[in-house]
Protein backbone atom coordinates (compact mmCIF):
# COMPACT_ATOMS: atom_id res chain seq x y z
CA UNK A 1 -43.16 46.32 7.79
CA UNK A 2 -43.21 42.54 7.76
CA UNK A 3 -41.29 40.48 10.20
CA UNK A 4 -38.62 38.34 8.60
CA UNK A 5 -38.44 34.79 9.72
CA UNK A 6 -35.16 33.14 10.39
CA UNK A 7 -34.59 29.76 8.77
CA UNK A 8 -34.70 26.84 11.14
CA UNK A 9 -31.32 25.19 11.49
CA UNK A 10 -31.00 21.46 11.83
CA UNK A 11 -28.03 19.71 13.41
CA UNK A 12 -25.61 18.52 10.76
CA UNK A 13 -26.04 14.86 9.87
CA UNK A 14 -23.47 12.74 8.09
CA UNK A 15 -24.15 12.84 4.37
CA UNK A 16 -24.53 9.41 2.85
CA UNK A 17 -22.95 8.67 -0.51
CA UNK A 18 -25.38 8.58 -3.41
CA UNK A 19 -23.65 5.47 -4.74
CA UNK A 20 -21.53 3.19 -2.55
CA UNK A 21 -17.93 2.72 -3.61
CA UNK A 22 -17.18 -0.81 -4.71
CA UNK A 23 -13.65 -2.11 -4.17
CA UNK A 24 -11.78 -2.68 -7.42
CA UNK A 25 -10.26 -6.11 -7.95
CA UNK A 26 -7.21 -6.52 -5.70
CA UNK A 27 -7.58 -2.99 -4.30
CA UNK A 28 -6.56 -2.06 -0.76
CA UNK A 29 -8.19 0.64 1.36
CA UNK A 30 -5.66 2.78 3.23
CA UNK A 31 -7.28 4.81 6.00
CA UNK A 32 -4.83 7.59 6.68
CA UNK A 33 -4.34 8.81 10.24
CA UNK A 34 -7.82 8.46 11.80
CA UNK A 35 -6.50 9.67 15.15
CA UNK A 36 -7.78 11.81 18.00
CA UNK A 37 -5.23 14.51 17.18
CA UNK A 38 -6.91 15.10 13.80
CA UNK A 39 -10.52 14.36 14.77
CA UNK A 40 -11.64 17.27 16.93
CA UNK A 41 -10.69 20.93 16.51
CA UNK A 42 -11.69 21.60 20.13
CA UNK A 43 -9.16 19.02 21.36
CA UNK A 44 -6.29 19.64 18.97
CA UNK A 45 -5.03 22.49 16.81
CA UNK A 46 -4.82 19.92 14.00
CA UNK A 47 -8.42 18.74 14.34
CA UNK A 48 -10.48 18.75 11.15
CA UNK A 49 -13.86 20.48 11.19
CA UNK A 50 -14.93 17.87 8.60
CA UNK A 51 -14.08 14.78 10.66
CA UNK A 52 -17.42 14.20 12.41
CA UNK A 53 -19.20 13.78 9.07
CA UNK A 54 -16.33 11.86 7.46
CA UNK A 55 -15.71 9.13 10.06
CA UNK A 56 -19.02 7.24 9.52
CA UNK A 57 -18.40 7.20 5.77
CA UNK A 58 -14.93 5.74 6.32
CA UNK A 59 -16.39 3.05 8.59
CA UNK A 60 -18.88 2.09 5.86
CA UNK A 61 -16.15 2.04 3.24
CA UNK A 62 -13.92 -0.13 5.44
CA UNK A 63 -16.73 -2.67 5.80
CA UNK A 64 -16.78 -3.07 2.01
CA UNK A 65 -13.02 -3.79 1.91
CA UNK A 66 -13.14 -6.30 4.80
CA UNK A 67 -9.62 -7.66 5.35
CA UNK A 68 -7.98 -5.45 2.69
CA UNK A 69 -7.78 -2.39 4.97
CA UNK A 70 -4.66 -0.79 6.41
CA UNK A 71 -4.86 2.02 8.96
CA UNK A 72 -1.98 4.46 9.29
CA UNK A 73 -0.95 6.61 12.23
CA UNK A 74 1.19 9.72 12.45
CA UNK A 75 3.42 10.15 15.50
CA UNK A 76 5.86 12.96 16.18
CA UNK A 77 9.57 12.23 16.05
CA UNK A 78 11.63 15.28 17.02
CA UNK A 79 14.78 13.32 16.13
CA UNK A 80 14.08 13.49 12.38
CA UNK A 81 16.04 16.74 12.11
CA UNK A 82 16.04 19.07 9.12
CA UNK A 83 12.82 21.00 8.58
CA UNK A 84 11.09 18.96 11.28
CA UNK A 85 12.94 20.98 13.98
CA UNK A 86 11.28 24.31 13.10
CA UNK A 87 8.02 22.48 12.41
CA UNK A 88 7.82 21.20 15.98
CA UNK A 89 8.84 24.60 17.31
CA UNK A 90 5.55 25.80 15.77
CA UNK A 91 3.55 22.78 16.99
CA UNK A 92 5.03 21.73 20.38
CA UNK A 93 1.71 20.25 21.58
CA UNK A 94 2.33 17.32 19.22
CA UNK A 95 5.57 16.31 20.92
CA UNK A 96 4.00 13.61 23.06
CA UNK A 97 4.82 9.89 23.16
CA UNK A 98 3.34 7.44 20.66
CA UNK A 99 1.04 6.01 23.35
CA UNK A 100 -0.46 9.43 24.25
CA UNK A 101 -4.26 9.53 23.76
CA UNK A 102 -3.79 12.24 21.10
CA UNK A 103 -2.25 9.62 18.80
CA UNK A 104 -4.88 6.93 19.45
CA UNK A 105 -7.04 5.75 16.56
CA UNK A 106 -10.55 7.14 17.07
CA UNK A 107 -12.93 4.66 18.73
CA UNK A 108 -15.25 4.37 15.72
CA UNK A 109 -12.36 3.08 13.58
CA UNK A 110 -10.33 1.20 16.19
CA UNK A 111 -9.90 -2.41 15.15
CA UNK A 112 -10.63 -1.69 11.49
CA UNK A 113 -8.13 -3.21 9.15
CA UNK A 114 -5.62 -5.95 8.86
CA UNK A 115 -2.68 -3.86 10.03
CA UNK A 116 -1.70 -0.50 11.49
CA UNK A 117 1.32 1.32 10.04
CA UNK A 118 2.81 4.04 12.24
CA UNK A 119 5.14 6.63 10.70
CA UNK A 120 6.66 9.97 11.77
CA UNK A 121 6.09 11.54 8.35
CA UNK A 122 3.09 13.06 6.57
CA UNK A 123 3.33 10.63 3.66
CA UNK A 124 2.64 6.98 4.43
CA UNK A 125 4.06 5.49 1.21
CA UNK A 126 6.83 3.83 3.19
CA UNK A 127 8.47 0.39 3.24
CA UNK A 128 6.11 -0.71 6.03
CA UNK A 129 3.02 0.04 3.94
CA UNK A 130 4.53 -1.43 0.77
CA UNK A 131 5.33 -4.64 2.64
CA UNK A 132 1.58 -5.11 3.15
CA UNK A 133 0.09 -3.81 -0.10
CA UNK A 134 2.93 -4.46 -2.56
CA UNK A 135 5.16 -2.25 -4.69
CA UNK A 136 2.62 -1.20 -7.35
CA UNK A 137 -0.77 -1.83 -5.79
CA UNK A 138 -4.26 -0.56 -6.43
CA UNK A 139 -5.14 1.70 -3.49
CA UNK A 140 -8.23 3.54 -2.32
CA UNK A 141 -7.24 6.39 0.01
CA UNK A 142 -9.41 7.87 2.75
CA UNK A 143 -8.62 9.77 5.92
CA UNK A 144 -7.28 13.02 7.25
CA UNK A 145 -6.13 15.47 6.32
CA UNK A 146 -6.75 15.65 2.62
CA UNK A 147 -4.38 18.60 2.27
CA UNK A 148 -1.51 17.02 4.20
CA UNK A 149 -1.15 13.29 4.84
CA UNK A 150 -3.56 12.08 2.13
CA UNK A 151 -1.94 14.04 -0.71
CA UNK A 152 1.53 13.34 0.73
CA UNK A 153 0.75 9.62 0.44
CA UNK A 154 -0.98 9.74 -2.95
CA UNK A 155 1.75 11.51 -4.92
CA UNK A 156 4.77 9.34 -4.05
CA UNK A 157 2.68 6.17 -4.39
CA UNK A 158 1.63 7.33 -7.86
CA UNK A 159 5.25 8.08 -8.78
CA UNK A 160 6.11 4.52 -7.77
CA UNK A 161 3.45 3.13 -10.12
CA UNK A 162 0.54 2.55 -7.75
CA UNK A 163 -2.97 3.04 -9.12
CA UNK A 164 -4.77 5.39 -6.76
CA UNK A 165 -8.39 6.20 -6.13
CA UNK A 166 -9.26 8.86 -3.55
CA UNK A 167 -12.66 8.73 -1.86
CA UNK A 168 -13.49 12.44 -1.87
CA UNK A 169 -16.17 12.34 0.84
CA UNK A 170 -14.17 9.87 2.96
CA UNK A 171 -11.40 12.44 3.38
CA UNK A 172 -11.39 15.39 5.77
CA UNK A 173 -9.33 18.51 5.19
CA UNK A 174 -7.91 21.04 7.60
CA UNK A 175 -10.69 23.25 6.20
CA UNK A 176 -13.34 22.54 3.54
CA UNK A 177 -11.49 24.91 1.20
CA UNK A 178 -8.14 23.17 1.70
CA UNK A 179 -9.86 19.82 1.20
CA UNK A 180 -11.15 20.95 -2.21
CA UNK A 181 -7.75 22.38 -3.17
CA UNK A 182 -6.04 19.08 -2.39
CA UNK A 183 -8.71 17.08 -4.25
CA UNK A 184 -8.28 19.38 -7.27
CA UNK A 185 -4.49 19.00 -7.12
CA UNK A 186 -4.68 15.20 -7.00
CA UNK A 187 -7.19 15.19 -9.87
CA UNK A 188 -4.43 16.70 -12.06
CA UNK A 189 -2.68 13.32 -11.91
CA UNK A 190 -5.38 11.40 -13.77
CA UNK A 191 -5.43 8.65 -14.88
CA UNK A 192 -2.95 7.53 -12.21
CA UNK A 193 -5.11 9.16 -9.52
CA UNK A 194 -8.89 9.07 -9.80
CA UNK A 195 -11.20 11.01 -7.50
CA UNK A 196 -14.40 9.09 -6.66
């Protein structure tokens, strides 16, 4: 009987893009919610297991866009009412003030971008973002989570006439499977949404 050898495992390294993404003419990069609350599953129930590999790719992408980068932040607002009441009953850990470290932008992306837009909703296609990027802009979306705040930003922006590109490997889902589901759903909106 021969002894089976176990494969050697290597620590996971960030995967570099085969081809760098070039900004389209007049395009803005919107980095959606790169915050501590979404970055580490050991720190937060909302942490993405994909974030550690995704953050360096976002930093590289942001460097290509220079001053045409907007970072968004999610913060809880229990005063929104409606379906948000039961939502926060399920997720009470998120009911902390805006300045709580959970809502801080992760250190590797702090200071990236021209502006920071903070909203209490999943979708970031709000008047504050439109004031910066315009009513029918060209946008590249990156961030977390693909299956929540990224898709919730992409679809209303598309409905409003924005031209959207989503950087597939610069987004992190709640799970790899949910990430792929959200990417597949957004791909249905071509040519208004393009997955790159």
